[in-house]
Amino acid sequence: MKSYKLCVVICTLLLIGSILAGLMIGTYRVGLGDILKMFTGEMAKMVRIVIFNLRLPRICLAVIVGIALSASGCILQTITKNELAEPGIIGINAGAALAVTIVITLSTGYYYENIDLGTLYLVPVAAMFGAVFTTALIYLLSYRRGGVSPVRLLLVGIGINSAVNALITLYQLNMSKGDYNQVLTWISGSLWGTGWEYVWISGPVVAVLFGVVFYKAKTLDVIGLGDVVALSLGVRVEKERRLFLLLAVALAGAATAVAGNIAFLGILGPQLAARMTGASHRRKLPIGAMVSSIIIVLADTASRNLFTPLEIPVGITISIIGVPYFIYLMARSK
């Protein structure tokens, strides 16, 4: 218990530190003293604009996306019994990204600030539809003899992911330059152009879904012991697996709707959390959410500052971190 509390304290401090770094570092430098002045109401007008209009909504959205993808990856790794499973690899994110890019390119050829309000609210619906449709296809192709094999689910998902990404590439061939740049941003994963609207749309959805997953954490623990053990303990495995798969899809769709296709974040958070807290999902879910949030906030800060005035999509930065760890997990897996 003490070690878990220590992990919570350390992760909380690191998350606060990463948020402060995100607020301070940029083309317009903001000092710690300037940030503290927000509590006294003495903040300069320019600093207020930079923090509240540009950086803070972007950081808040990064935290929301980190929570969503971490929880989604944690669920998928448990129900597939494979630590390599996550929404960016088995096709959920790709399905959501395909639906979103179609909606955006049919509505506008410009960039985020020019997307009309109707399209803005249609994007999460499209992302959810794309994620659900892709997952339903994966589930149906994986279903054999009254159930779904976790290994088959993972392999079919990887195949569907490749097929959907190929469709996105094919779709790009007939796009205008403006549409192409827009879609490229989405499939690479980016928080560029984020406003408070995205936070208000995705925040409540992710909070509710994460609360449901946390409430059912003990059921995830039992499923993680294996189907035979779970059945002997009275868990309706197939029904619960479908429910958790739907929750994972909804979380991944909510994240993709506002940040595009970000891979590996669903692996990094849960896996690092499991090494700190053990297999208990009541502990692993919140720690994993904080770890993923720290990673994406720091990655986004680096992405927008390393090659100023150019900005690297945060999905690429996270992939640079995630690919070596993914290879490490593959090498050590049996």
C-alpha atoms as a PDB file:
ATOM      1  CA  MET A   1       0.000   0.000   0.000  1.00  0.00           C
ATOM      2  CA  LYS A   2       2.816   2.389   0.882  1.00  0.00           C
ATOM      3  CA  SER A   3       4.546   1.755  -2.444  1.00  0.00           C
ATOM      4  CA  TYR A   4       1.286   2.431  -4.303  1.00  0.00           C
ATOM      5  CA  LYS A   5       0.795   5.702  -2.436  1.00  0.00           C
ATOM      6  CA  LEU A   6       4.383   6.613  -3.249  1.00  0.00           C
ATOM      7  CA  CYS A   7       3.700   5.905  -6.958  1.00  0.00           C
ATOM      8  CA  VAL A   8       0.621   8.141  -6.828  1.00  0.00           C
ATOM      9  CA  VAL A   9       2.612  10.981  -5.233  1.00  0.00           C
ATOM     10  CA  ILE A  10       5.516  10.655  -7.696  1.00  0.00           C
ATOM     11  CA  CYS A  11       3.244  10.452 -10.757  1.00  0.00           C
ATOM     12  CA  THR A  12       1.181  13.405  -9.533  1.00  0.00           C
ATOM     13  CA  LEU A  13       4.298  15.532  -9.059  1.00  0.00           C
ATOM     14  CA  LEU A  14       5.633  14.505 -12.480  1.00  0.00           C
ATOM     15  CA  LEU A  15       2.298  15.325 -14.094  1.00  0.00           C
ATOM     16  CA  ILE A  16       2.220  18.754 -12.446  1.00  0.00           C
ATOM     17  CA  GLY A  17       5.835  19.309 -13.546  1.00  0.00           C
ATOM     18  CA  SER A  18       5.052  18.322 -17.144  1.00  0.00           C
ATOM     19  CA  ILE A  19       2.017  20.645 -17.199  1.00  0.00           C
ATOM     20  CA  LEU A  20       4.118  23.542 -15.881  1.00  0.00           C
ATOM     21  CA  ALA A  21       6.780  22.790 -18.521  1.00  0.00           C
ATOM     22  CA  GLY A  22       4.083  22.819 -21.207  1.00  0.00           C
ATOM     23  CA  LEU A  23       2.785  26.169 -19.993  1.00  0.00           C
ATOM     24  CA  MET A  24       6.232  27.777 -19.730  1.00  0.00           C
ATOM     25  CA  ILE A  25       8.121  26.498 -22.783  1.00  0.00           C
ATOM     26  CA  GLY A  26       7.370  27.952 -26.197  1.00  0.00           C
ATOM     27  CA  THR A  27       8.113  30.722 -28.667  1.00  0.00           C
ATOM     28  CA  TYR A  28       6.728  33.145 -26.089  1.00  0.00           C
ATOM     29  CA  ARG A  29       8.463  32.271 -22.819  1.00  0.00           C
ATOM     30  CA  VAL A  30       6.353  32.299 -19.657  1.00  0.00           C
ATOM     31  CA  GLY A  31       7.999  32.323 -16.238  1.00  0.00           C
ATOM     32  CA  LEU A  32       6.843  30.404 -13.185  1.00  0.00           C
ATOM     33  CA  GLY A  33       6.116  33.749 -11.530  1.00  0.00           C
ATOM     34  CA  ASP A  34       3.780  34.656 -14.400  1.00  0.00           C
ATOM     35  CA  ILE A  35       1.866  31.407 -13.901  1.00  0.00           C
ATOM     36  CA  LEU A  36       1.552  31.990 -10.145  1.00  0.00           C
ATOM     37  CA  LYS A  37       0.039  35.395 -10.852  1.00  0.00           C
ATOM     38  CA  MET A  38      -3.052  33.712 -12.307  1.00  0.00           C
ATOM     39  CA  PHE A  39      -4.114  33.031  -8.703  1.00  0.00           C
ATOM     40  CA  THR A  40      -3.840  36.707  -7.768  1.00  0.00           C
ATOM     41  CA  GLY A  41      -5.388  38.147 -10.920  1.00  0.00           C
ATOM     42  CA  GLU A  42      -2.259  40.171 -11.742  1.00  0.00           C
ATOM     43  CA  MET A  43      -1.336  38.290 -14.918  1.00  0.00           C
ATOM     44  CA  ALA A  44      -0.299  40.388 -17.919  1.00  0.00           C
ATOM     45  CA  LYS A  45      -2.736  40.387 -20.861  1.00  0.00           C
ATOM     46  CA  MET A  46      -0.309  38.736 -23.298  1.00  0.00           C
ATOM     47  CA  VAL A  47       0.593  36.006 -20.810  1.00  0.00           C
ATOM     48  CA  ARG A  48      -3.114  35.386 -20.165  1.00  0.00           C
ATOM     49  CA  ILE A  49      -3.769  34.987 -23.899  1.00  0.00           C
ATOM     50  CA  VAL A  50      -0.844  32.597 -24.362  1.00  0.00           C
ATOM     51  CA  ILE A  51      -1.797  30.434 -21.376  1.00  0.00           C
ATOM     52  CA  PHE A  52      -5.609  30.381 -21.475  1.00  0.00           C
ATOM     53  CA  ASN A  53      -6.190  30.608 -25.232  1.00  0.00           C
ATOM     54  CA  LEU A  54      -3.294  28.530 -26.563  1.00  0.00           C
ATOM     55  CA  ARG A  55      -1.387  26.323 -24.148  1.00  0.00           C
ATOM     56  CA  LEU A  56      -3.775  25.354 -21.336  1.00  0.00           C
ATOM     57  CA  PRO A  57      -6.564  23.939 -23.550  1.00  0.00           C
ATOM     58  CA  ARG A  58      -3.953  21.985 -25.490  1.00  0.00           C
ATOM     59  CA  ILE A  59      -2.488  20.542 -22.281  1.00  0.00           C
ATOM     60  CA  CYS A  60      -5.933  19.715 -20.884  1.00  0.00           C
ATOM     61  CA  LEU A  61      -6.792  17.891 -24.095  1.00  0.00           C
ATOM     62  CA  ALA A  62      -3.471  16.020 -23.984  1.00  0.00           C
ATOM     63  CA  VAL A  63      -4.328  14.784 -20.472  1.00  0.00           C
ATOM     64  CA  ILE A  64      -7.810  13.700 -21.625  1.00  0.00           C
ATOM     65  CA  VAL A  65      -6.337  11.809 -24.588  1.00  0.00           C
ATOM     66  CA  GLY A  66      -3.702  10.198 -22.344  1.00  0.00           C
ATOM     67  CA  ILE A  67      -6.379   8.964 -19.925  1.00  0.00           C
ATOM     68  CA  ALA A  68      -8.592   7.629 -22.720  1.00  0.00           C
ATOM     69  CA  LEU A  69      -5.889   5.757 -24.641  1.00  0.00           C
ATOM     70  CA  SER A  70      -4.282   4.363 -21.494  1.00  0.00           C
ATOM     71  CA  ALA A  71      -7.597   2.953 -20.227  1.00  0.00           C
ATOM     72  CA  SER A  72      -8.446   1.600 -23.682  1.00  0.00           C
ATOM     73  CA  GLY A  73      -5.041  -0.100 -23.988  1.00  0.00           C
ATOM     74  CA  CYS A  74      -5.318  -1.532 -20.473  1.00  0.00           C
ATOM     75  CA  ILE A  75      -8.693  -3.102 -21.313  1.00  0.00           C
ATOM     76  CA  LEU A  76      -7.495  -4.551 -24.617  1.00  0.00           C
ATOM     77  CA  GLN A  77      -4.361  -6.051 -23.051  1.00  0.00           C
ATOM     78  CA  THR A  78      -6.486  -7.782 -20.407  1.00  0.00           C
ATOM     79  CA  ILE A  79      -9.248  -9.170 -22.626  1.00  0.00           C
ATOM     80  CA  THR A  80      -6.782 -10.332 -25.314  1.00  0.00           C
ATOM     81  CA  LYS A  81      -4.252 -11.529 -22.711  1.00  0.00           C
ATOM     82  CA  ASN A  82      -1.525  -9.851 -24.744  1.00  0.00           C
ATOM     83  CA  GLU A  83       0.550  -6.932 -23.492  1.00  0.00           C
ATOM     84  CA  LEU A  84       1.137  -5.755 -27.077  1.00  0.00           C
ATOM     85  CA  ALA A  85      -2.540  -4.946 -27.696  1.00  0.00           C
ATOM     86  CA  GLU A  86      -3.632  -1.311 -27.910  1.00  0.00           C
ATOM     87  CA  PRO A  87      -6.174   0.671 -29.991  1.00  0.00           C
ATOM     88  CA  GLY A  88      -3.578   2.131 -32.362  1.00  0.00           C
ATOM     89  CA  ILE A  89      -2.282  -1.304 -33.344  1.00  0.00           C
ATOM     90  CA  ILE A  90      -5.443  -3.403 -33.715  1.00  0.00           C
ATOM     91  CA  GLY A  91      -7.283  -0.937 -35.948  1.00  0.00           C
ATOM     92  CA  ILE A  92      -9.669   0.931 -33.626  1.00  0.00           C
ATOM     93  CA  ASN A  93      -7.881   4.273 -33.972  1.00  0.00           C
ATOM     94  CA  ALA A  94      -7.488   3.794 -37.720  1.00  0.00           C
ATOM     95  CA  GLY A  95     -11.221   3.194 -38.173  1.00  0.00           C
ATOM     96  CA  ALA A  96     -12.040   6.327 -36.186  1.00  0.00           C
ATOM     97  CA  ALA A  97      -9.426   8.344 -38.113  1.00  0.00           C
ATOM     98  CA  LEU A  98     -10.840   7.208 -41.469  1.00  0.00           C
ATOM     99  CA  ALA A  99     -14.354   8.344 -40.535  1.00  0.00           C
ATOM    100  CA  VAL A 100     -13.107  11.680 -39.172  1.00  0.00           C
ATOM    101  CA  THR A 101     -10.974  12.488 -42.200  1.00  0.00           C
ATOM    102  CA  ILE A 102     -13.894  11.766 -44.528  1.00  0.00           C
ATOM    103  CA  VAL A 103     -16.143  14.112 -42.531  1.00  0.00           C
ATOM    104  CA  ILE A 104     -13.552  16.902 -42.403  1.00  0.00           C
ATOM    105  CA  THR A 105     -12.542  16.746 -46.053  1.00  0.00           C
ATOM    106  CA  LEU A 106     -16.201  16.753 -47.142  1.00  0.00           C
ATOM    107  CA  SER A 107     -16.801  19.851 -45.017  1.00  0.00           C
ATOM    108  CA  THR A 108     -13.694  21.972 -45.591  1.00  0.00           C
ATOM    109  CA  GLY A 109     -10.327  22.045 -47.299  1.00  0.00           C
ATOM    110  CA  TYR A 110      -8.761  24.324 -44.724  1.00  0.00           C
ATOM    111  CA  TYR A 111      -7.527  23.865 -41.168  1.00  0.00           C
ATOM    112  CA  TYR A 112      -8.959  23.467 -37.682  1.00  0.00           C
ATOM    113  CA  GLU A 113      -9.811  27.098 -37.045  1.00  0.00           C
ATOM    114  CA  ASN A 114     -11.977  27.130 -40.176  1.00  0.00           C
ATOM    115  CA  ILE A 115     -14.044  24.061 -39.306  1.00  0.00           C
ATOM    116  CA  ASP A 116     -17.613  25.199 -38.718  1.00  0.00           C
ATOM    117  CA  LEU A 117     -19.370  24.451 -35.422  1.00  0.00           C
ATOM    118  CA  GLY A 118     -21.634  21.812 -36.961  1.00  0.00           C
ATOM    119  CA  THR A 119     -18.660  19.851 -38.266  1.00  0.00           C
ATOM    120  CA  LEU A 120     -16.889  20.256 -34.910  1.00  0.00           C
ATOM    121  CA  TYR A 121     -19.705  18.450 -33.116  1.00  0.00           C
ATOM    122  CA  LEU A 122     -20.088  15.893 -35.900  1.00  0.00           C
ATOM    123  CA  VAL A 123     -16.418  14.831 -35.625  1.00  0.00           C
ATOM    124  CA  PRO A 124     -16.792  12.880 -32.318  1.00  0.00           C
ATOM    125  CA  VAL A 125     -19.872  11.098 -33.688  1.00  0.00           C
ATOM    126  CA  ALA A 126     -17.993  10.160 -36.859  1.00  0.00           C
ATOM    127  CA  ALA A 127     -14.989   8.953 -34.860  1.00  0.00           C
ATOM    128  CA  MET A 128     -17.191   6.790 -32.655  1.00  0.00           C
ATOM    129  CA  PHE A 129     -19.002   5.362 -35.676  1.00  0.00           C
ATOM    130  CA  GLY A 130     -15.715   4.547 -37.420  1.00  0.00           C
ATOM    131  CA  ALA A 131     -14.272   2.931 -34.293  1.00  0.00           C
ATOM    132  CA  VAL A 132     -17.419   0.876 -33.599  1.00  0.00           C
ATOM    133  CA  PHE A 133     -17.747  -0.253 -37.220  1.00  0.00           C
ATOM    134  CA  THR A 134     -14.091  -1.339 -37.399  1.00  0.00           C
ATOM    135  CA  THR A 135     -14.291  -3.150 -34.052  1.00  0.00           C
ATOM    136  CA  ALA A 136     -17.526  -4.903 -35.029  1.00  0.00           C
ATOM    137  CA  LEU A 137     -15.802  -6.152 -38.181  1.00  0.00           C
ATOM    138  CA  ILE A 138     -12.805  -7.348 -36.145  1.00  0.00           C
ATOM    139  CA  TYR A 139     -15.093  -9.095 -33.661  1.00  0.00           C
ATOM    140  CA  LEU A 140     -17.150 -10.837 -36.354  1.00  0.00           C
ATOM    141  CA  LEU A 141     -14.054 -12.066 -38.180  1.00  0.00           C
ATOM    142  CA  SER A 142     -12.593 -13.308 -34.880  1.00  0.00           C
ATOM    143  CA  TYR A 143     -15.750 -15.110 -33.724  1.00  0.00           C
ATOM    144  CA  ARG A 144     -15.558 -18.897 -33.876  1.00  0.00           C
ATOM    145  CA  ARG A 145     -17.606 -21.650 -32.174  1.00  0.00           C
ATOM    146  CA  GLY A 146     -19.498 -19.506 -29.725  1.00  0.00           C
ATOM    147  CA  GLY A 147     -16.642 -17.272 -28.642  1.00  0.00           C
ATOM    148  CA  VAL A 148     -13.692 -15.070 -29.567  1.00  0.00           C
ATOM    149  CA  SER A 149     -10.117 -16.233 -29.238  1.00  0.00           C
ATOM    150  CA  PRO A 150      -7.942 -13.432 -27.791  1.00  0.00           C
ATOM    151  CA  VAL A 151      -5.082 -14.349 -30.141  1.00  0.00           C
ATOM    152  CA  ARG A 152      -7.367 -14.360 -33.184  1.00  0.00           C
ATOM    153  CA  LEU A 153      -8.851 -11.006 -32.105  1.00  0.00           C
ATOM    154  CA  LEU A 154      -5.380  -9.462 -31.952  1.00  0.00           C
ATOM    155  CA  LEU A 155      -4.207 -10.884 -35.287  1.00  0.00           C
ATOM    156  CA  VAL A 156      -7.397  -9.940 -37.132  1.00  0.00           C
ATOM    157  CA  GLY A 157      -7.137  -6.452 -35.615  1.00  0.00           C
ATOM    158  CA  ILE A 158      -3.610  -6.009 -36.915  1.00  0.00           C
ATOM    159  CA  GLY A 159      -4.757  -7.058 -40.388  1.00  0.00           C
ATOM    160  CA  ILE A 160      -7.756  -4.695 -40.315  1.00  0.00           C
ATOM    161  CA  ASN A 161      -5.469  -1.878 -39.125  1.00  0.00           C
ATOM    162  CA  SER A 162      -3.259  -2.341 -42.196  1.00  0.00           C
ATOM    163  CA  ALA A 163      -6.297  -2.463 -44.502  1.00  0.00           C
ATOM    164  CA  VAL A 164      -7.874   0.713 -43.062  1.00  0.00           C
ATOM    165  CA  ASN A 165      -4.577   2.611 -43.254  1.00  0.00           C
ATOM    166  CA  ALA A 166      -4.317   1.518 -46.889  1.00  0.00           C
ATOM    167  CA  LEU A 167      -7.826   2.919 -47.490  1.00  0.00           C
ATOM    168  CA  ILE A 168      -6.798   6.230 -45.917  1.00  0.00           C
ATOM    169  CA  THR A 169      -3.755   6.369 -48.211  1.00  0.00           C
ATOM    170  CA  LEU A 170      -5.924   5.559 -51.239  1.00  0.00           C
ATOM    171  CA  TYR A 171      -8.380   8.256 -50.189  1.00  0.00           C
ATOM    172  CA  GLN A 172      -5.526  10.774 -49.996  1.00  0.00           C
ATOM    173  CA  LEU A 173      -4.627  10.268 -53.667  1.00  0.00           C
ATOM    174  CA  ASN A 174      -7.755  12.133 -54.793  1.00  0.00           C
ATOM    175  CA  MET A 175      -7.474  15.039 -52.340  1.00  0.00           C
ATOM    176  CA  SER A 176      -6.642  18.671 -52.843  1.00  0.00           C
ATOM    177  CA  LYS A 177      -3.471  19.969 -51.208  1.00  0.00           C
ATOM    178  CA  GLY A 178      -5.397  21.540 -48.321  1.00  0.00           C
ATOM    179  CA  ASP A 179      -7.379  18.357 -47.685  1.00  0.00           C
ATOM    180  CA  TYR A 180      -4.212  16.254 -47.913  1.00  0.00           C
ATOM    181  CA  ASN A 181      -2.446  18.340 -45.254  1.00  0.00           C
ATOM    182  CA  GLN A 182      -5.509  18.147 -43.029  1.00  0.00           C
ATOM    183  CA  VAL A 183      -5.729  14.366 -43.276  1.00  0.00           C
ATOM    184  CA  LEU A 184      -1.973  13.956 -42.859  1.00  0.00           C
ATOM    185  CA  THR A 185      -2.240  15.834 -39.565  1.00  0.00           C
ATOM    186  CA  TRP A 186      -5.015  13.540 -38.400  1.00  0.00           C
ATOM    187  CA  ILE A 187      -3.408  10.232 -39.299  1.00  0.00           C
ATOM    188  CA  SER A 188      -0.137  11.359 -37.677  1.00  0.00           C
ATOM    189  CA  GLY A 189      -1.868  12.438 -34.471  1.00  0.00           C
ATOM    190  CA  SER A 190      -1.769  16.098 -33.503  1.00  0.00           C
ATOM    191  CA  LEU A 191      -3.030  18.558 -30.888  1.00  0.00           C
ATOM    192  CA  TRP A 192      -2.387  21.531 -33.165  1.00  0.00           C
ATOM    193  CA  GLY A 193      -5.237  24.039 -33.321  1.00  0.00           C
ATOM    194  CA  THR A 194      -6.875  22.754 -30.139  1.00  0.00           C
ATOM    195  CA  GLY A 195      -9.410  24.994 -28.403  1.00  0.00           C
ATOM    196  CA  TRP A 196     -11.592  24.722 -25.324  1.00  0.00           C
ATOM    197  CA  GLU A 197     -14.414  23.346 -27.503  1.00  0.00           C
ATOM    198  CA  TYR A 198     -12.509  20.066 -27.909  1.00  0.00           C
ATOM    199  CA  VAL A 199     -11.988  19.867 -24.143  1.00  0.00           C
ATOM    200  CA  TRP A 200     -15.703  20.404 -23.419  1.00  0.00           C
ATOM    201  CA  ILE A 201     -16.666  17.787 -26.004  1.00  0.00           C
ATOM    202  CA  SER A 202     -14.255  15.015 -25.030  1.00  0.00           C
ATOM    203  CA  GLY A 203     -13.694  15.646 -21.312  1.00  0.00           C
ATOM    204  CA  PRO A 204     -17.121  14.600 -19.937  1.00  0.00           C
ATOM    205  CA  VAL A 205     -17.296  11.567 -22.251  1.00  0.00           C
ATOM    206  CA  VAL A 206     -13.866  10.267 -21.190  1.00  0.00           C
ATOM    207  CA  ALA A 207     -14.595  10.983 -17.501  1.00  0.00           C
ATOM    208  CA  VAL A 208     -17.807   8.919 -17.565  1.00  0.00           C
ATOM    209  CA  LEU A 209     -16.261   6.034 -19.536  1.00  0.00           C
ATOM    210  CA  PHE A 210     -13.171   5.924 -17.311  1.00  0.00           C
ATOM    211  CA  GLY A 211     -15.439   5.909 -14.246  1.00  0.00           C
ATOM    212  CA  VAL A 212     -17.345   2.888 -15.597  1.00  0.00           C
ATOM    213  CA  VAL A 213     -14.109   1.006 -16.338  1.00  0.00           C
ATOM    214  CA  PHE A 214     -12.719   1.815 -12.878  1.00  0.00           C
ATOM    215  CA  TYR A 215     -15.983   0.650 -11.263  1.00  0.00           C
ATOM    216  CA  LYS A 216     -15.678  -2.706 -13.070  1.00  0.00           C
ATOM    217  CA  ALA A 217     -11.940  -3.044 -12.391  1.00  0.00           C
ATOM    218  CA  LYS A 218     -12.388  -6.196 -10.285  1.00  0.00           C
ATOM    219  CA  THR A 219     -14.152  -7.927 -13.181  1.00  0.00           C
ATOM    220  CA  LEU A 220     -11.138  -7.098 -15.354  1.00  0.00           C
ATOM    221  CA  ASP A 221      -8.905  -8.646 -12.670  1.00  0.00           C
ATOM    222  CA  VAL A 222     -10.909 -11.896 -12.818  1.00  0.00           C
ATOM    223  CA  ILE A 223     -10.916 -11.996 -16.649  1.00  0.00           C
ATOM    224  CA  GLY A 224      -7.148 -11.536 -16.529  1.00  0.00           C
ATOM    225  CA  LEU A 225      -6.875 -14.840 -14.625  1.00  0.00           C
ATOM    226  CA  GLY A 226      -8.164 -16.735 -17.666  1.00  0.00           C
ATOM    227  CA  ASP A 227     -11.538 -17.760 -19.075  1.00  0.00           C
ATOM    228  CA  VAL A 228     -11.755 -21.045 -17.137  1.00  0.00           C
ATOM    229  CA  VAL A 229     -11.075 -19.403 -13.774  1.00  0.00           C
ATOM    230  CA  ALA A 230     -13.389 -16.490 -14.567  1.00  0.00           C
ATOM    231  CA  LEU A 231     -16.223 -18.862 -15.512  1.00  0.00           C
ATOM    232  CA  SER A 232     -15.721 -20.866 -12.329  1.00  0.00           C
ATOM    233  CA  LEU A 233     -16.056 -17.623 -10.339  1.00  0.00           C
ATOM    234  CA  GLY A 234     -19.382 -16.821 -11.992  1.00  0.00           C
ATOM    235  CA  VAL A 235     -18.228 -14.246 -14.551  1.00  0.00           C
ATOM    236  CA  ARG A 236     -20.044 -14.359 -17.903  1.00  0.00           C
ATOM    237  CA  VAL A 237     -16.810 -14.032 -19.836  1.00  0.00           C
ATOM    238  CA  GLU A 238     -18.090 -13.499 -23.381  1.00  0.00           C
ATOM    239  CA  LYS A 239     -20.689 -10.930 -22.295  1.00  0.00           C
ATOM    240  CA  GLU A 240     -18.163  -9.020 -20.175  1.00  0.00           C
ATOM    241  CA  ARG A 241     -15.555  -9.180 -22.943  1.00  0.00           C
ATOM    242  CA  ARG A 242     -18.016  -7.576 -25.367  1.00  0.00           C
ATOM    243  CA  LEU A 243     -18.846  -4.853 -22.838  1.00  0.00           C
ATOM    244  CA  PHE A 244     -15.188  -4.070 -22.144  1.00  0.00           C
ATOM    245  CA  LEU A 245     -14.413  -4.103 -25.869  1.00  0.00           C
ATOM    246  CA  LEU A 246     -17.193  -1.537 -26.382  1.00  0.00           C
ATOM    247  CA  LEU A 247     -15.764   0.633 -23.576  1.00  0.00           C
ATOM    248  CA  ALA A 248     -12.275   0.403 -25.117  1.00  0.00           C
ATOM    249  CA  VAL A 249     -13.683   1.403 -28.503  1.00  0.00           C
ATOM    250  CA  ALA A 250     -15.580   4.366 -27.050  1.00  0.00           C
ATOM    251  CA  LEU A 251     -12.482   5.625 -25.204  1.00  0.00           C
ATOM    252  CA  ALA A 252     -10.273   5.260 -28.283  1.00  0.00           C
ATOM    253  CA  GLY A 253     -12.908   6.920 -30.481  1.00  0.00           C
ATOM    254  CA  ALA A 254     -13.220   9.872 -28.096  1.00  0.00           C
ATOM    255  CA  ALA A 255      -9.444  10.361 -28.128  1.00  0.00           C
ATOM    256  CA  THR A 256      -9.095   9.994 -31.898  1.00  0.00           C
ATOM    257  CA  ALA A 257     -11.936  12.447 -32.509  1.00  0.00           C
ATOM    258  CA  VAL A 258      -9.923  15.304 -31.012  1.00  0.00           C
ATOM    259  CA  ALA A 259      -6.287  14.246 -31.499  1.00  0.00           C
ATOM    260  CA  GLY A 260      -6.124  11.974 -34.522  1.00  0.00           C
ATOM    261  CA  ASN A 261      -4.478   8.564 -34.703  1.00  0.00           C
ATOM    262  CA  ILE A 262      -1.950   8.326 -31.836  1.00  0.00           C
ATOM    263  CA  ALA A 263      -0.374   4.883 -31.479  1.00  0.00           C
ATOM    264  CA  PHE A 264       1.656   3.269 -28.658  1.00  0.00           C
ATOM    265  CA  LEU A 265       0.297   5.512 -25.887  1.00  0.00           C
ATOM    266  CA  GLY A 266      -2.058   2.672 -24.951  1.00  0.00           C
ATOM    267  CA  ILE A 267       0.949   0.400 -24.465  1.00  0.00           C
ATOM    268  CA  LEU A 268       3.325   2.707 -22.631  1.00  0.00           C
ATOM    269  CA  GLY A 269       0.993   3.851 -19.833  1.00  0.00           C
ATOM    270  CA  PRO A 270      -0.537   0.494 -18.788  1.00  0.00           C
ATOM    271  CA  GLN A 271       2.719  -1.456 -19.113  1.00  0.00           C
ATOM    272  CA  LEU A 272       4.768   1.002 -17.066  1.00  0.00           C
ATOM    273  CA  ALA A 273       1.937   1.179 -14.513  1.00  0.00           C
ATOM    274  CA  ALA A 274       1.829  -2.618 -14.226  1.00  0.00           C
ATOM    275  CA  ARG A 275       5.526  -2.655 -13.390  1.00  0.00           C
ATOM    276  CA  MET A 276       4.942  -0.087 -10.632  1.00  0.00           C
ATOM    277  CA  THR A 277       1.682  -1.323  -9.097  1.00  0.00           C
ATOM    278  CA  GLY A 278       1.172  -4.963 -10.127  1.00  0.00           C
ATOM    279  CA  ALA A 279      -1.832  -6.561 -11.843  1.00  0.00           C
ATOM    280  CA  SER A 280      -4.647  -4.903  -9.845  1.00  0.00           C
ATOM    281  CA  HIS A 281      -6.676  -2.719 -12.235  1.00  0.00           C
ATOM    282  CA  ARG A 282      -7.878  -0.504  -9.372  1.00  0.00           C
ATOM    283  CA  ARG A 283      -4.254   0.617  -9.098  1.00  0.00           C
ATOM    284  CA  LYS A 284      -3.085   0.144 -12.667  1.00  0.00           C
ATOM    285  CA  LEU A 285      -5.822   2.245 -14.313  1.00  0.00           C
ATOM    286  CA  PRO A 286      -5.173   5.562 -12.496  1.00  0.00           C
ATOM    287  CA  ILE A 287      -1.376   5.190 -12.532  1.00  0.00           C
ATOM    288  CA  GLY A 288      -1.435   4.251 -16.226  1.00  0.00           C
ATOM    289  CA  ALA A 289      -3.637   7.270 -16.961  1.00  0.00           C
ATOM    290  CA  MET A 290      -1.155   9.582 -15.234  1.00  0.00           C
ATOM    291  CA  VAL A 291       1.867   7.995 -16.953  1.00  0.00           C
ATOM    292  CA  SER A 292       0.263   8.300 -20.411  1.00  0.00           C
ATOM    293  CA  SER A 293      -0.734  11.888 -19.638  1.00  0.00           C
ATOM    294  CA  ILE A 294       2.829  12.755 -18.613  1.00  0.00           C
ATOM    295  CA  ILE A 295       4.191  11.183 -21.812  1.00  0.00           C
ATOM    296  CA  ILE A 296       1.814  12.977 -24.177  1.00  0.00           C
ATOM    297  CA  VAL A 297       2.162  16.371 -22.446  1.00  0.00           C
ATOM    298  CA  LEU A 298       5.973  16.197 -22.586  1.00  0.00           C
ATOM    299  CA  ALA A 299       5.907  14.798 -26.141  1.00  0.00           C
ATOM    300  CA  ASP A 300       3.608  17.601 -27.284  1.00  0.00           C
ATOM    301  CA  THR A 301       5.814  20.230 -25.620  1.00  0.00           C
ATOM    302  CA  ALA A 302       8.821  18.792 -27.454  1.00  0.00           C
ATOM    303  CA  SER A 303       6.884  18.499 -30.739  1.00  0.00           C
ATOM    304  CA  ARG A 304       5.977  22.178 -30.885  1.00  0.00           C
ATOM    305  CA  ASN A 305       9.380  23.495 -29.777  1.00  0.00           C
ATOM    306  CA  LEU A 306      12.154  21.310 -31.225  1.00  0.00           C
ATOM    307  CA  PHE A 307      11.939  22.631 -34.804  1.00  0.00           C
ATOM    308  CA  THR A 308      10.195  26.001 -34.361  1.00  0.00           C
ATOM    309  CA  PRO A 309       8.408  27.383 -36.378  1.00  0.00           C
ATOM    310  CA  LEU A 310       7.678  23.896 -37.746  1.00  0.00           C
ATOM    311  CA  GLU A 311       5.663  21.575 -35.522  1.00  0.00           C
ATOM    312  CA  ILE A 312       6.013  17.795 -35.435  1.00  0.00           C
ATOM    313  CA  PRO A 313       2.731  15.874 -34.943  1.00  0.00           C
ATOM    314  CA  VAL A 314       2.731  14.521 -31.390  1.00  0.00           C
ATOM    315  CA  GLY A 315       1.840  11.045 -32.697  1.00  0.00           C
ATOM    316  CA  ILE A 316       5.207  10.856 -34.454  1.00  0.00           C
ATOM    317  CA  THR A 317       7.091  11.893 -31.312  1.00  0.00           C
ATOM    318  CA  ILE A 318       5.281   9.261 -29.233  1.00  0.00           C
ATOM    319  CA  SER A 319       5.962   6.621 -31.895  1.00  0.00           C
ATOM    320  CA  ILE A 320       9.689   7.400 -31.663  1.00  0.00           C
ATOM    321  CA  ILE A 321       9.421   6.582 -27.954  1.00  0.00           C
ATOM    322  CA  GLY A 322       6.950   3.724 -28.335  1.00  0.00           C
ATOM    323  CA  VAL A 323       8.502   1.670 -31.133  1.00  0.00           C
ATOM    324  CA  PRO A 324      11.669   0.693 -29.179  1.00  0.00           C
ATOM    325  CA  TYR A 325       9.534  -0.294 -26.182  1.00  0.00           C
ATOM    326  CA  PHE A 326       7.194  -2.274 -28.457  1.00  0.00           C
ATOM    327  CA  ILE A 327      10.182  -4.142 -29.898  1.00  0.00           C
ATOM    328  CA  TYR A 328      11.420  -4.793 -26.352  1.00  0.00           C
ATOM    329  CA  LEU A 329       8.036  -6.271 -25.365  1.00  0.00           C
ATOM    330  CA  MET A 330       8.010  -8.458 -28.489  1.00  0.00           C
ATOM    331  CA  ALA A 331      11.528  -9.703 -27.751  1.00  0.00           C
ATOM    332  CA  ARG A 332      10.701 -10.708 -24.181  1.00  0.00           C
ATOM    333  CA  SER A 333       7.260 -12.210 -24.931  1.00  0.00           C
ATOM    334  CA  LYS A 334       6.943 -15.960 -25.325  1.00  0.00           C
END
